[in-house]
Amino acid sequence: MTHAHEDDDILSRIAKGLVYTESEAAFQAPRRRAEQVFEYNHTPPGEMEKRRSLLVAIFGSVGERMVLLPPFHAAFGSNVHIGDDFFGNVNLTFVDDVDIRIGDGVMIAPSVTLTTTGHPVHPSRRADFGRFSEPIVIEDKVWIGSNAVVLPGVRVGYGSVIGAGSVVSRSIPPMTVAVGAPCRVVRPITEEDLTTRTAAD
């Protein structure tokens, strides 16, 4: 009973974004899906049913018509929730010590990292891999460009575009283009964007 109470206290601290250590969080190890992630990354491309069943086993929830190109990586996997019509390109990394929630129609380019976890600045607070975690939310219809990094606590709003190589440390409002390190909104997405890159008459 004591252990259960201690575990609840640690989970409460994690939920508040407070610092916790590797030893304190060790009781969550059974929720890691490392073996299934390894198996998925080594499954032949033609075995679509097997890939689908592995994704269902790995993630907290998955939608319909999901495409995730291997290899991908996940700290847990079980804390990731993905909607319908998702496309994730190669080398997608989920540092999902807490929830990562991805909406419908999201596209993620190669080598993107979604990390819910960071570490304190002072080295004495990083003993035993001291860290803090905050959830990430990627709303519907978002497109994240290659090599972007989304940091703890960020929400990317509906329809927005995150430029390649961006470091997203703050939430991004809906229907905007945001780029840079740190990532900043550069303009809204407008009706004029419906006419870009169209075929010549």
N, C-alpha and C. Protein backbone atom coordinates (compact mmCIF):
# COMPACT_ATOMS: atom_id res chain seq x y z
N MET A 1 0.83 -1.20 0.00
CA MET A 1 0.00 0.00 0.00
C MET A 1 0.87 1.25 0.00
N THR A 2 1.97 1.17 0.74
CA THR A 2 2.88 2.32 0.80
C THR A 2 3.42 2.65 -0.57
N HIS A 3 3.81 1.59 -1.31
CA HIS A 3 4.37 1.82 -2.64
C HIS A 3 3.35 2.49 -3.55
N ALA A 4 2.11 2.06 -3.51
CA ALA A 4 1.06 2.64 -4.34
C ALA A 4 0.89 4.12 -4.02
N HIS A 5 0.94 4.46 -2.72
CA HIS A 5 0.81 5.86 -2.30
C HIS A 5 1.99 6.68 -2.81
N GLU A 6 3.20 6.12 -2.71
CA GLU A 6 4.39 6.82 -3.20
C GLU A 6 4.30 7.03 -4.71
N ASP A 7 3.85 5.99 -5.42
CA ASP A 7 3.71 6.10 -6.88
C ASP A 7 2.72 7.19 -7.25
N ASP A 8 1.61 7.27 -6.53
CA ASP A 8 0.61 8.31 -6.78
C ASP A 8 1.19 9.70 -6.55
N ASP A 9 2.00 9.84 -5.50
CA ASP A 9 2.64 11.12 -5.22
C ASP A 9 3.57 11.54 -6.36
N ILE A 10 4.32 10.57 -6.88
CA ILE A 10 5.24 10.86 -7.99
C ILE A 10 4.46 11.23 -9.24
N LEU A 11 3.39 10.50 -9.52
CA LEU A 11 2.56 10.82 -10.68
C LEU A 11 1.95 12.21 -10.56
N SER A 12 1.59 12.60 -9.34
CA SER A 12 1.05 13.93 -9.10
C SER A 12 2.10 15.00 -9.39
N ARG A 13 3.33 14.76 -8.97
CA ARG A 13 4.42 15.71 -9.26
C ARG A 13 4.69 15.80 -10.75
N ILE A 14 4.69 14.65 -11.43
CA ILE A 14 4.91 14.65 -12.88
C ILE A 14 3.81 15.46 -13.56
N ALA A 15 2.56 15.27 -13.15
CA ALA A 15 1.43 15.97 -13.75
C ALA A 15 1.51 17.47 -13.56
N LYS A 16 2.18 17.90 -12.50
CA LYS A 16 2.34 19.34 -12.22
C LYS A 16 3.56 19.94 -12.91
N GLY A 17 4.32 19.12 -13.65
CA GLY A 17 5.52 19.62 -14.32
C GLY A 17 6.69 19.82 -13.40
N LEU A 18 6.69 19.16 -12.24
CA LEU A 18 7.77 19.29 -11.27
C LEU A 18 8.88 18.28 -11.58
N VAL A 19 10.05 18.52 -11.00
CA VAL A 19 11.20 17.64 -11.25
C VAL A 19 11.01 16.30 -10.56
N TYR A 20 11.36 15.23 -11.29
CA TYR A 20 11.36 13.87 -10.74
C TYR A 20 12.58 13.15 -11.31
N THR A 21 12.92 12.01 -10.74
CA THR A 21 14.15 11.32 -11.13
C THR A 21 13.84 9.98 -11.81
N GLU A 22 14.88 9.42 -12.41
CA GLU A 22 14.77 8.11 -13.06
C GLU A 22 14.32 7.05 -12.06
N SER A 23 14.93 7.05 -10.87
CA SER A 23 14.57 6.05 -9.86
C SER A 23 13.12 6.19 -9.43
N GLU A 24 12.67 7.42 -9.25
CA GLU A 24 11.29 7.64 -8.83
C GLU A 24 10.29 7.16 -9.88
N ALA A 25 10.66 7.29 -11.15
CA ALA A 25 9.73 6.93 -12.24
C ALA A 25 9.88 5.49 -12.69
N ALA A 26 10.75 4.73 -12.06
CA ALA A 26 11.05 3.37 -12.52
C ALA A 26 9.82 2.47 -12.52
N PHE A 27 8.85 2.73 -11.66
CA PHE A 27 7.66 1.87 -11.59
C PHE A 27 6.84 1.92 -12.88
N GLN A 28 7.09 2.91 -13.75
CA GLN A 28 6.37 3.02 -15.01
C GLN A 28 6.97 2.17 -16.13
N ALA A 29 8.10 1.52 -15.86
CA ALA A 29 8.81 0.76 -16.89
C ALA A 29 7.94 -0.23 -17.66
N PRO A 30 6.98 -0.93 -17.02
CA PRO A 30 6.16 -1.88 -17.78
C PRO A 30 5.32 -1.24 -18.90
N ARG A 31 5.19 0.08 -18.86
CA ARG A 31 4.40 0.76 -19.90
C ARG A 31 5.23 1.08 -21.14
N ARG A 32 6.53 0.78 -21.09
CA ARG A 32 7.39 1.02 -22.25
C ARG A 32 7.16 -0.08 -23.29
N ARG A 33 7.18 0.29 -24.55
CA ARG A 33 6.90 -0.65 -25.62
C ARG A 33 8.12 -0.86 -26.53
N ALA A 34 9.31 -0.93 -25.91
CA ALA A 34 10.56 -1.00 -26.67
C ALA A 34 10.62 -2.22 -27.58
N GLU A 35 10.17 -3.37 -27.10
CA GLU A 35 10.24 -4.59 -27.92
C GLU A 35 9.34 -4.48 -29.15
N GLN A 36 8.14 -3.94 -28.96
CA GLN A 36 7.22 -3.80 -30.09
C GLN A 36 7.71 -2.76 -31.09
N VAL A 37 8.33 -1.68 -30.58
CA VAL A 37 8.89 -0.67 -31.48
C VAL A 37 10.01 -1.28 -32.32
N PHE A 38 10.86 -2.07 -31.68
CA PHE A 38 11.93 -2.75 -32.41
C PHE A 38 11.35 -3.66 -33.48
N GLU A 39 10.32 -4.41 -33.11
CA GLU A 39 9.71 -5.34 -34.07
C GLU A 39 9.10 -4.59 -35.26
N TYR A 40 8.41 -3.49 -34.96
CA TYR A 40 7.81 -2.68 -36.03
C TYR A 40 8.87 -2.19 -37.00
N ASN A 41 9.97 -1.70 -36.45
CA ASN A 41 11.04 -1.13 -37.28
C ASN A 41 11.74 -2.18 -38.14
N HIS A 42 11.51 -3.46 -37.85
CA HIS A 42 12.12 -4.54 -38.62
C HIS A 42 11.09 -5.40 -39.36
N THR A 43 9.87 -4.87 -39.48
CA THR A 43 8.82 -5.59 -40.19
C THR A 43 8.87 -5.23 -41.68
N PRO A 44 8.85 -6.21 -42.58
CA PRO A 44 8.89 -5.92 -44.03
C PRO A 44 7.72 -5.02 -44.45
N PRO A 45 7.98 -4.15 -45.44
CA PRO A 45 6.96 -3.18 -45.86
C PRO A 45 5.65 -3.82 -46.29
N GLY A 46 5.69 -5.03 -46.85
CA GLY A 46 4.47 -5.66 -47.34
C GLY A 46 3.55 -6.21 -46.26
N GLU A 47 4.03 -6.33 -45.04
CA GLU A 47 3.23 -6.91 -43.96
C GLU A 47 2.40 -5.83 -43.26
N MET A 48 1.45 -5.30 -44.00
CA MET A 48 0.67 -4.16 -43.51
C MET A 48 -0.21 -4.51 -42.31
N GLU A 49 -0.80 -5.70 -42.30
CA GLU A 49 -1.65 -6.09 -41.17
C GLU A 49 -0.82 -6.23 -39.90
N LYS A 50 0.37 -6.80 -40.01
CA LYS A 50 1.24 -6.93 -38.85
C LYS A 50 1.66 -5.56 -38.34
N ARG A 51 2.01 -4.66 -39.26
CA ARG A 51 2.39 -3.31 -38.85
C ARG A 51 1.25 -2.62 -38.11
N ARG A 52 0.05 -2.77 -38.64
CA ARG A 52 -1.11 -2.15 -37.99
C ARG A 52 -1.32 -2.71 -36.58
N SER A 53 -1.22 -4.02 -36.44
CA SER A 53 -1.43 -4.62 -35.12
C SER A 53 -0.35 -4.19 -34.14
N LEU A 54 0.86 -4.00 -34.62
CA LEU A 54 1.93 -3.52 -33.74
C LEU A 54 1.69 -2.07 -33.32
N LEU A 55 1.22 -1.23 -34.24
CA LEU A 55 0.93 0.16 -33.88
C LEU A 55 -0.17 0.22 -32.81
N VAL A 56 -1.17 -0.62 -32.94
CA VAL A 56 -2.24 -0.68 -31.94
C VAL A 56 -1.68 -1.10 -30.58
N ALA A 57 -0.73 -2.03 -30.59
CA ALA A 57 -0.11 -2.50 -29.34
C ALA A 57 0.83 -1.47 -28.73
N ILE A 58 1.48 -0.69 -29.57
CA ILE A 58 2.49 0.28 -29.10
C ILE A 58 1.84 1.52 -28.52
N PHE A 59 0.92 2.13 -29.26
CA PHE A 59 0.42 3.45 -28.91
C PHE A 59 -0.80 3.39 -28.00
N GLY A 60 -1.03 4.49 -27.28
CA GLY A 60 -2.19 4.58 -26.42
C GLY A 60 -3.48 4.49 -27.21
N SER A 61 -3.50 5.12 -28.39
CA SER A 61 -4.62 4.99 -29.32
C SER A 61 -4.16 5.41 -30.70
N VAL A 62 -4.76 4.79 -31.71
CA VAL A 62 -4.42 5.10 -33.11
C VAL A 62 -5.69 5.19 -33.93
N GLY A 63 -5.68 6.12 -34.89
CA GLY A 63 -6.83 6.28 -35.76
C GLY A 63 -6.76 5.41 -37.00
N GLU A 64 -7.65 5.69 -37.92
CA GLU A 64 -7.71 4.96 -39.19
C GLU A 64 -6.75 5.58 -40.20
N ARG A 65 -6.35 4.75 -41.18
CA ARG A 65 -5.52 5.19 -42.30
C ARG A 65 -4.24 5.88 -41.83
N MET A 66 -3.61 5.27 -40.86
CA MET A 66 -2.37 5.82 -40.29
C MET A 66 -1.17 5.25 -41.02
N VAL A 67 -0.24 6.12 -41.38
CA VAL A 67 1.02 5.71 -42.01
C VAL A 67 2.17 6.23 -41.14
N LEU A 68 3.04 5.32 -40.74
CA LEU A 68 4.24 5.69 -39.98
C LEU A 68 5.41 4.92 -40.56
N LEU A 69 6.29 5.63 -41.24
CA LEU A 69 7.41 4.98 -41.90
C LEU A 69 8.52 4.67 -40.89
N PRO A 70 9.02 3.44 -40.88
CA PRO A 70 10.11 3.11 -39.98
C PRO A 70 11.46 3.60 -40.53
N PRO A 71 12.43 3.82 -39.63
CA PRO A 71 12.31 3.59 -38.20
C PRO A 71 11.70 4.79 -37.48
N PHE A 72 11.04 4.50 -36.36
CA PHE A 72 10.65 5.55 -35.44
C PHE A 72 11.10 5.13 -34.05
N HIS A 73 11.05 6.06 -33.11
CA HIS A 73 11.53 5.79 -31.76
C HIS A 73 10.54 6.36 -30.75
N ALA A 74 10.41 5.70 -29.61
CA ALA A 74 9.51 6.17 -28.56
C ALA A 74 10.06 5.80 -27.19
N ALA A 75 9.97 6.74 -26.26
CA ALA A 75 10.39 6.46 -24.89
C ALA A 75 9.45 5.42 -24.27
N PHE A 76 8.16 5.61 -24.46
CA PHE A 76 7.15 4.67 -23.98
C PHE A 76 6.33 4.13 -25.14
N GLY A 77 5.78 5.02 -25.93
CA GLY A 77 4.83 4.62 -26.97
C GLY A 77 3.42 4.65 -26.45
N SER A 78 3.20 4.12 -25.27
CA SER A 78 1.86 4.02 -24.70
C SER A 78 1.25 5.37 -24.32
N ASN A 79 2.08 6.41 -24.28
CA ASN A 79 1.57 7.75 -23.97
C ASN A 79 1.27 8.57 -25.22
N VAL A 80 1.36 7.95 -26.39
CA VAL A 80 1.11 8.64 -27.65
C VAL A 80 -0.28 8.29 -28.15
N HIS A 81 -1.04 9.32 -28.55
CA HIS A 81 -2.39 9.14 -29.08
C HIS A 81 -2.47 9.85 -30.42
N ILE A 82 -2.84 9.11 -31.47
CA ILE A 82 -2.80 9.63 -32.84
C ILE A 82 -4.16 9.46 -33.50
N GLY A 83 -4.61 10.51 -34.21
CA GLY A 83 -5.91 10.49 -34.87
C GLY A 83 -5.88 9.85 -36.24
N ASP A 84 -6.93 10.11 -37.01
CA ASP A 84 -7.08 9.54 -38.35
C ASP A 84 -6.18 10.25 -39.36
N ASP A 85 -5.87 9.55 -40.45
CA ASP A 85 -5.19 10.12 -41.61
C ASP A 85 -3.86 10.78 -41.24
N PHE A 86 -3.12 10.10 -40.40
CA PHE A 86 -1.80 10.59 -39.97
C PHE A 86 -0.72 10.07 -40.91
N PHE A 87 0.25 10.94 -41.22
CA PHE A 87 1.43 10.52 -41.96
C PHE A 87 2.67 10.96 -41.19
N GLY A 88 3.49 9.99 -40.79
CA GLY A 88 4.75 10.28 -40.11
C GLY A 88 5.90 9.70 -40.93
N ASN A 89 6.83 10.55 -41.32
CA ASN A 89 7.95 10.10 -42.12
C ASN A 89 9.04 9.50 -41.22
N VAL A 90 10.15 9.08 -41.84
CA VAL A 90 11.19 8.33 -41.14
C VAL A 90 11.84 9.12 -40.00
N ASN A 91 12.32 8.38 -39.01
CA ASN A 91 13.08 8.94 -37.88
C ASN A 91 12.26 9.90 -37.01
N LEU A 92 10.99 9.62 -36.88
CA LEU A 92 10.15 10.37 -35.95
C LEU A 92 10.42 9.86 -34.54
N THR A 93 10.68 10.79 -33.62
CA THR A 93 10.99 10.43 -32.24
C THR A 93 9.95 11.01 -31.29
N PHE A 94 9.34 10.13 -30.49
CA PHE A 94 8.41 10.53 -29.45
C PHE A 94 9.09 10.36 -28.09
N VAL A 95 9.37 11.46 -27.40
CA VAL A 95 9.84 11.37 -26.02
C VAL A 95 8.59 11.56 -25.17
N ASP A 96 7.87 10.47 -24.97
CA ASP A 96 6.51 10.52 -24.42
C ASP A 96 6.47 10.07 -22.96
N ASP A 97 7.23 10.72 -22.12
CA ASP A 97 7.14 10.42 -20.68
C ASP A 97 5.77 10.78 -20.14
N VAL A 98 5.11 11.76 -20.78
CA VAL A 98 3.69 12.04 -20.54
C VAL A 98 3.02 12.13 -21.91
N ASP A 99 1.75 12.49 -21.96
CA ASP A 99 0.96 12.38 -23.19
C ASP A 99 1.47 13.25 -24.34
N ILE A 100 1.46 12.65 -25.53
CA ILE A 100 1.54 13.37 -26.79
C ILE A 100 0.25 13.06 -27.53
N ARG A 101 -0.53 14.09 -27.84
CA ARG A 101 -1.81 13.90 -28.51
C ARG A 101 -1.78 14.58 -29.87
N ILE A 102 -2.02 13.79 -30.90
CA ILE A 102 -1.94 14.24 -32.28
C ILE A 102 -3.31 14.07 -32.92
N GLY A 103 -3.81 15.13 -33.55
CA GLY A 103 -5.15 15.11 -34.13
C GLY A 103 -5.23 14.43 -35.48
N ASP A 104 -6.31 14.72 -36.21
CA ASP A 104 -6.56 14.12 -37.51
C ASP A 104 -5.83 14.90 -38.61
N GLY A 105 -5.43 14.18 -39.66
CA GLY A 105 -4.87 14.83 -40.83
C GLY A 105 -3.54 15.51 -40.60
N VAL A 106 -2.76 15.03 -39.66
CA VAL A 106 -1.45 15.62 -39.35
C VAL A 106 -0.38 14.97 -40.21
N MET A 107 0.54 15.81 -40.72
CA MET A 107 1.68 15.33 -41.50
C MET A 107 2.97 15.75 -40.81
N ILE A 108 3.88 14.79 -40.64
CA ILE A 108 5.16 15.07 -39.99
C ILE A 108 6.28 14.58 -40.90
N ALA A 109 7.21 15.47 -41.21
CA ALA A 109 8.31 15.20 -42.14
C ALA A 109 9.43 14.42 -41.44
N PRO A 110 10.49 14.03 -42.18
CA PRO A 110 11.56 13.23 -41.58
C PRO A 110 12.29 13.91 -40.42
N SER A 111 12.71 13.06 -39.48
CA SER A 111 13.63 13.44 -38.39
C SER A 111 13.08 14.53 -37.48
N VAL A 112 11.80 14.44 -37.18
CA VAL A 112 11.16 15.35 -36.22
C VAL A 112 11.19 14.72 -34.83
N THR A 113 11.39 15.55 -33.81
CA THR A 113 11.35 15.10 -32.41
C THR A 113 10.24 15.82 -31.67
N LEU A 114 9.38 15.05 -31.02
CA LEU A 114 8.35 15.59 -30.12
C LEU A 114 8.75 15.16 -28.71
N THR A 115 9.23 16.09 -27.91
CA THR A 115 9.74 15.72 -26.59
C THR A 115 8.96 16.40 -25.48
N THR A 116 8.32 15.59 -24.65
CA THR A 116 7.58 16.12 -23.51
C THR A 116 8.48 16.41 -22.31
N THR A 117 9.75 16.07 -22.42
CA THR A 117 10.62 16.09 -21.24
C THR A 117 11.85 16.97 -21.46
N GLY A 118 12.18 17.74 -20.41
CA GLY A 118 13.40 18.53 -20.37
C GLY A 118 14.10 18.29 -19.04
N HIS A 119 15.20 19.00 -18.83
CA HIS A 119 16.01 18.81 -17.62
C HIS A 119 16.33 20.16 -16.98
N PRO A 120 16.45 20.18 -15.66
CA PRO A 120 16.78 21.44 -14.98
C PRO A 120 18.12 22.01 -15.44
N VAL A 121 18.25 23.32 -15.35
CA VAL A 121 19.49 23.99 -15.77
C VAL A 121 20.63 23.68 -14.80
N HIS A 122 20.37 23.70 -13.50
CA HIS A 122 21.44 23.49 -12.52
C HIS A 122 21.83 22.02 -12.47
N PRO A 123 23.14 21.71 -12.59
CA PRO A 123 23.56 20.31 -12.66
C PRO A 123 23.20 19.47 -11.44
N SER A 124 23.13 20.09 -10.27
CA SER A 124 22.81 19.31 -9.08
C SER A 124 21.38 18.78 -9.12
N ARG A 125 20.53 19.42 -9.90
CA ARG A 125 19.14 18.97 -10.02
C ARG A 125 18.98 17.91 -11.11
N ARG A 126 20.08 17.63 -11.83
CA ARG A 126 20.01 16.58 -12.86
C ARG A 126 20.55 15.25 -12.35
N ALA A 127 20.86 15.17 -11.05
CA ALA A 127 21.30 13.89 -10.47
C ALA A 127 20.21 12.85 -10.67
N ASP A 128 20.63 11.60 -10.94
CA ASP A 128 19.69 10.51 -11.21
C ASP A 128 18.76 10.89 -12.36
N PHE A 129 19.31 11.59 -13.36
CA PHE A 129 18.58 12.00 -14.56
C PHE A 129 17.32 12.80 -14.23
N GLY A 130 17.46 13.73 -13.26
CA GLY A 130 16.35 14.60 -12.90
C GLY A 130 15.75 15.29 -14.11
N ARG A 131 14.43 15.34 -14.17
CA ARG A 131 13.75 15.88 -15.35
C ARG A 131 12.35 16.37 -14.99
N PHE A 132 11.74 17.05 -15.95
CA PHE A 132 10.34 17.47 -15.82
C PHE A 132 9.65 17.15 -17.15
N SER A 133 8.34 16.96 -17.11
CA SER A 133 7.59 16.57 -18.30
C SER A 133 6.28 17.34 -18.38
N GLU A 134 5.95 17.79 -19.60
CA GLU A 134 4.68 18.46 -19.85
C GLU A 134 4.11 17.96 -21.18
N PRO A 135 2.79 17.75 -21.27
CA PRO A 135 2.20 17.17 -22.48
C PRO A 135 2.35 18.06 -23.72
N ILE A 136 2.31 17.42 -24.87
CA ILE A 136 2.32 18.10 -26.17
C ILE A 136 1.00 17.79 -26.86
N VAL A 137 0.42 18.81 -27.51
CA VAL A 137 -0.79 18.63 -28.32
C VAL A 137 -0.53 19.18 -29.72
N ILE A 138 -0.74 18.34 -30.72
CA ILE A 138 -0.68 18.74 -32.12
C ILE A 138 -2.11 18.65 -32.65
N GLU A 139 -2.73 19.78 -32.95
CA GLU A 139 -4.13 19.77 -33.38
C GLU A 139 -4.28 19.30 -34.83
N ASP A 140 -5.52 19.17 -35.27
CA ASP A 140 -5.83 18.66 -36.61
C ASP A 140 -5.14 19.47 -37.71
N LYS A 141 -4.79 18.78 -38.80
CA LYS A 141 -4.33 19.39 -40.05
C LYS A 141 -2.99 20.12 -39.95
N VAL A 142 -2.22 19.86 -38.94
CA VAL A 142 -0.90 20.49 -38.80
C VAL A 142 0.11 19.79 -39.70
N TRP A 143 1.05 20.56 -40.22
CA TRP A 143 2.19 20.02 -40.97
C TRP A 143 3.46 20.50 -40.28
N ILE A 144 4.32 19.55 -39.90
CA ILE A 144 5.59 19.86 -39.23
C ILE A 144 6.72 19.46 -40.16
N GLY A 145 7.60 20.43 -40.48
CA GLY A 145 8.68 20.22 -41.42
C GLY A 145 9.86 19.44 -40.85
N SER A 146 10.74 19.01 -41.74
CA SER A 146 11.89 18.16 -41.39
C SER A 146 12.76 18.77 -40.30
N ASN A 147 13.24 17.89 -39.42
CA ASN A 147 14.21 18.25 -38.38
C ASN A 147 13.70 19.26 -37.36
N ALA A 148 12.38 19.44 -37.29
CA ALA A 148 11.82 20.31 -36.25
C ALA A 148 11.84 19.59 -34.91
N VAL A 149 11.91 20.38 -33.84
CA VAL A 149 11.85 19.86 -32.47
C VAL A 149 10.72 20.59 -31.75
N VAL A 150 9.78 19.84 -31.20
CA VAL A 150 8.68 20.42 -30.41
C VAL A 150 8.94 20.08 -28.95
N LEU A 151 9.01 21.11 -28.11
CA LEU A 151 9.44 20.99 -26.72
C LEU A 151 8.26 20.83 -25.76
N PRO A 152 8.56 20.51 -24.49
CA PRO A 152 7.50 20.23 -23.51
C PRO A 152 6.46 21.34 -23.38
N GLY A 153 5.21 20.93 -23.26
CA GLY A 153 4.12 21.85 -22.97
C GLY A 153 3.57 22.60 -24.16
N VAL A 154 4.06 22.31 -25.37
CA VAL A 154 3.65 23.06 -26.56
C VAL A 154 2.34 22.52 -27.12
N ARG A 155 1.50 23.43 -27.60
CA ARG A 155 0.32 23.10 -28.40
C ARG A 155 0.48 23.79 -29.75
N VAL A 156 0.36 23.01 -30.82
CA VAL A 156 0.40 23.58 -32.17
C VAL A 156 -1.04 23.60 -32.68
N GLY A 157 -1.53 24.80 -33.00
CA GLY A 157 -2.93 24.99 -33.34
C GLY A 157 -3.33 24.48 -34.70
N TYR A 158 -4.62 24.30 -34.87
CA TYR A 158 -5.24 23.75 -36.08
C TYR A 158 -4.65 24.35 -37.36
N GLY A 159 -4.26 23.46 -38.29
CA GLY A 159 -3.88 23.88 -39.63
C GLY A 159 -2.55 24.55 -39.78
N SER A 160 -1.82 24.72 -38.70
CA SER A 160 -0.57 25.48 -38.78
C SER A 160 0.55 24.68 -39.42
N VAL A 161 1.55 25.41 -39.90
CA VAL A 161 2.74 24.84 -40.52
C VAL A 161 3.95 25.25 -39.70
N ILE A 162 4.75 24.25 -39.32
CA ILE A 162 6.01 24.50 -38.61
C ILE A 162 7.14 24.28 -39.61
N GLY A 163 7.95 25.30 -39.85
CA GLY A 163 9.00 25.22 -40.84
C GLY A 163 10.11 24.26 -40.45
N ALA A 164 10.79 23.74 -41.47
CA ALA A 164 11.88 22.79 -41.25
C ALA A 164 12.95 23.40 -40.35
N GLY A 165 13.48 22.58 -39.46
CA GLY A 165 14.56 23.00 -38.57
C GLY A 165 14.14 23.86 -37.41
N SER A 166 12.86 24.06 -37.21
CA SER A 166 12.39 24.94 -36.12
C SER A 166 12.52 24.26 -34.77
N VAL A 167 12.68 25.09 -33.73
CA VAL A 167 12.66 24.64 -32.34
C VAL A 167 11.46 25.32 -31.68
N VAL A 168 10.41 24.52 -31.45
CA VAL A 168 9.13 25.07 -31.01
C VAL A 168 9.07 25.01 -29.48
N SER A 169 9.33 26.13 -28.86
CA SER A 169 9.38 26.19 -27.40
C SER A 169 8.13 26.83 -26.79
N ARG A 170 7.29 27.44 -27.64
CA ARG A 170 6.04 28.05 -27.18
C ARG A 170 4.91 27.63 -28.10
N SER A 171 3.70 27.68 -27.58
CA SER A 171 2.55 27.25 -28.36
C SER A 171 2.34 28.15 -29.58
N ILE A 172 1.82 27.54 -30.64
CA ILE A 172 1.61 28.21 -31.91
C ILE A 172 0.12 28.29 -32.18
N PRO A 173 -0.41 29.49 -32.52
CA PRO A 173 -1.85 29.61 -32.75
C PRO A 173 -2.29 28.92 -34.04
N PRO A 174 -3.59 28.70 -34.19
CA PRO A 174 -4.10 28.05 -35.39
C PRO A 174 -3.84 28.86 -36.66
N MET A 175 -3.77 28.13 -37.79
CA MET A 175 -3.73 28.72 -39.13
C MET A 175 -2.64 29.78 -39.29
N THR A 176 -1.43 29.40 -38.86
CA THR A 176 -0.29 30.28 -39.03
C THR A 176 0.90 29.49 -39.55
N VAL A 177 1.85 30.21 -40.15
CA VAL A 177 3.14 29.65 -40.52
C VAL A 177 4.14 30.14 -39.49
N ALA A 178 4.88 29.21 -38.90
CA ALA A 178 5.85 29.55 -37.85
C ALA A 178 7.17 28.86 -38.16
N VAL A 179 8.26 29.60 -38.02
CA VAL A 179 9.58 29.06 -38.35
C VAL A 179 10.62 29.60 -37.37
N GLY A 180 11.77 28.92 -37.33
CA GLY A 180 12.93 29.46 -36.63
C GLY A 180 13.27 28.77 -35.33
N ALA A 181 14.39 29.22 -34.77
CA ALA A 181 14.87 28.70 -33.49
C ALA A 181 15.27 29.91 -32.63
N PRO A 182 14.40 30.35 -31.71
CA PRO A 182 13.10 29.74 -31.39
C PRO A 182 12.05 30.02 -32.46
N CYS A 183 11.09 29.12 -32.55
CA CYS A 183 10.04 29.20 -33.56
C CYS A 183 9.11 30.38 -33.27
N ARG A 184 8.86 31.18 -34.32
CA ARG A 184 7.97 32.33 -34.19
C ARG A 184 7.01 32.38 -35.37
N VAL A 185 5.82 32.89 -35.11
CA VAL A 185 4.83 33.06 -36.18
C VAL A 185 5.32 34.13 -37.14
N VAL A 186 5.32 33.81 -38.44
CA VAL A 186 5.75 34.80 -39.44
C VAL A 186 4.58 35.35 -40.24
N ARG A 187 3.47 34.59 -40.33
CA ARG A 187 2.30 35.10 -41.05
C ARG A 187 1.12 34.17 -40.84
N PRO A 188 -0.09 34.69 -41.10
CA PRO A 188 -1.26 33.81 -41.08
C PRO A 188 -1.36 33.01 -42.36
N ILE A 189 -2.08 31.91 -42.32
CA ILE A 189 -2.45 31.17 -43.52
C ILE A 189 -3.78 31.75 -44.00
N THR A 190 -3.83 32.17 -45.28
CA THR A 190 -5.00 32.87 -45.81
C THR A 190 -5.53 32.17 -47.05
N GLU A 191 -6.63 32.71 -47.60
CA GLU A 191 -7.21 32.17 -48.82
C GLU A 191 -6.23 32.24 -49.99
N GLU A 192 -5.32 33.19 -49.96
CA GLU A 192 -4.33 33.30 -51.04
C GLU A 192 -3.46 32.04 -51.13
N ASP A 193 -3.28 31.36 -50.01
CA ASP A 193 -2.47 30.14 -50.02
C ASP A 193 -3.11 29.01 -50.81
N LEU A 194 -4.40 29.14 -51.12
CA LEU A 194 -5.07 28.15 -51.95
C LEU A 194 -4.56 28.18 -53.39
N THR A 195 -3.94 29.28 -53.79
CA THR A 195 -3.51 29.43 -55.18
C THR A 195 -2.01 29.18 -55.37
N THR A 196 -1.28 28.90 -54.32
CA THR A 196 0.15 28.72 -54.47
C THR A 196 0.48 27.34 -55.01
N ARG A 197 1.55 27.28 -55.82
CA ARG A 197 2.06 26.05 -56.43
C ARG A 197 0.99 25.31 -57.24
N THR A 198 0.14 26.05 -57.90
CA THR A 198 -0.85 25.43 -58.77
C THR A 198 -0.25 25.21 -60.15
N ALA A 199 -0.84 24.30 -60.91
CA ALA A 199 -0.37 24.03 -62.26
C ALA A 199 -0.62 25.23 -63.16
N ALA A 200 0.25 25.43 -64.12
CA ALA A 200 0.07 26.54 -65.07
C ALA A 200 -1.15 26.28 -65.94
N ASP A 201 -1.81 27.36 -66.35
CA ASP A 201 -2.98 27.22 -67.24
C ASP A 201 -2.55 26.67 -68.59
